[in-house]
Amino acid sequence: MPNKPWAWPSAYIRPIPYTPVGLGVFNGTIVVATKGIPYALSGYHPENIQPVQAGAFLAPCSSKRSVVSTSMGVMWDTEFGLVITPGTG
């Protein structure tokens, strides 16, 4: 049931190496702001989704309330300032 995430089996769980802080969406891609490197998840069916790094830099999200989906990408606050990523790298 792709459109019912609360009903997904545990086989759809995709671990990432950093603790997630918040989520945003841009162009059908879920961007995960973490305590380290951000990750992106995209695909048409949950069993085919794989997490990929949404950047090669550390961009630790300081607050889940700072994560915002915009028309240019997903933005959040870090200790270095604001970060924005389109989720593709």
Protein backbone atom coordinates (compact mmCIF):
# COMPACT_ATOMS: atom_id res chain seq x y z
CA MET A 1 0.00 0.00 0.00
CA PRO A 2 2.30 2.78 -1.24
CA ASN A 3 0.06 5.67 -0.18
CA LYS A 4 -0.53 4.38 3.36
CA PRO A 5 2.87 4.62 5.17
CA TRP A 6 1.35 3.64 8.53
CA ALA A 7 0.48 0.27 6.98
CA TRP A 8 3.94 -0.49 5.53
CA PRO A 9 5.59 -3.74 6.64
CA SER A 10 8.89 -3.56 8.54
CA ALA A 11 10.70 -4.72 5.36
CA TYR A 12 10.29 -1.15 4.06
CA ILE A 13 12.43 0.34 6.85
CA ARG A 14 15.53 2.05 5.41
CA PRO A 15 18.24 2.79 7.99
CA ILE A 16 20.52 5.79 7.61
CA PRO A 17 23.79 6.30 9.49
CA TYR A 18 22.79 9.54 11.26
CA THR A 19 19.95 10.32 13.64
CA PRO A 20 17.04 11.94 11.76
CA VAL A 21 15.87 15.32 13.07
CA GLY A 22 13.25 16.42 10.53
CA LEU A 23 11.75 15.71 7.09
CA GLY A 24 10.96 17.89 4.10
CA VAL A 25 9.67 17.20 0.58
CA PHE A 26 10.87 18.61 -2.74
CA ASN A 27 9.80 17.36 -6.20
CA GLY A 28 8.58 14.04 -4.84
CA THR A 29 11.80 13.42 -2.88
CA ILE A 30 11.83 13.12 0.90
CA VAL A 31 14.82 14.96 2.35
CA VAL A 32 15.92 13.81 5.81
CA ALA A 33 17.70 16.47 7.86
CA THR A 34 19.92 14.60 10.31
CA LYS A 35 22.50 15.24 13.00
CA GLY A 36 25.11 14.72 10.26
CA ILE A 37 24.90 14.43 6.47
CA PRO A 38 21.40 14.87 4.96
CA TYR A 39 19.80 11.99 3.04
CA ALA A 40 17.23 11.83 0.26
CA LEU A 41 14.70 9.10 -0.46
CA SER A 42 12.75 8.90 -3.70
CA GLY A 43 10.92 6.31 -5.73
CA TYR A 44 7.49 5.18 -6.82
CA HIS A 45 7.05 2.25 -4.48
CA PRO A 46 8.30 1.92 -0.88
CA GLU A 47 10.08 -1.38 -1.51
CA ASN A 48 12.27 0.30 -4.17
CA ILE A 49 13.28 3.39 -2.17
CA GLN A 50 16.93 3.60 -1.13
CA PRO A 51 18.49 6.42 0.91
CA VAL A 52 21.24 8.42 -0.83
CA GLN A 53 23.37 11.23 0.52
CA ALA A 54 21.87 14.60 -0.35
CA GLY A 55 25.27 16.22 -0.04
CA ALA A 56 28.84 15.37 0.88
CA PHE A 57 28.97 17.87 3.72
CA LEU A 58 28.01 17.78 7.36
CA ALA A 59 24.89 19.86 7.80
CA PRO A 60 23.57 18.90 11.23
CA CYS A 61 20.03 20.12 11.70
CA SER A 62 19.72 22.09 14.93
CA SER A 63 15.94 21.90 15.28
CA LYS A 64 13.13 19.91 13.68
CA ARG A 65 11.05 23.10 13.68
CA SER A 66 13.58 24.75 11.36
CA VAL A 67 12.99 22.24 8.50
CA VAL A 68 10.98 23.92 5.72
CA SER A 69 9.96 22.67 2.27
CA THR A 70 10.31 25.51 -0.26
CA SER A 71 10.00 25.88 -4.02
CA MET A 72 13.83 25.67 -4.29
CA GLY A 73 14.44 22.69 -2.01
CA VAL A 74 14.36 21.76 1.67
CA MET A 75 15.94 24.23 4.07
CA TRP A 76 16.99 23.99 7.72
CA ASP A 77 19.12 25.71 10.32
CA THR A 78 22.60 24.48 11.24
CA GLU A 79 25.27 25.85 13.54
CA PHE A 80 26.91 27.24 10.36
CA GLY A 81 23.77 29.02 9.07
CA LEU A 82 20.93 28.00 6.74
CA VAL A 83 21.32 25.03 4.42
CA ILE A 84 19.15 24.26 1.38
CA THR A 85 19.24 21.10 -0.68
CA PRO A 86 17.13 19.93 -3.61
CA GLY A 87 17.66 16.39 -2.37
CA THR A 88 19.79 15.30 -5.32
CA GLY A 89 23.26 16.19 -4.08
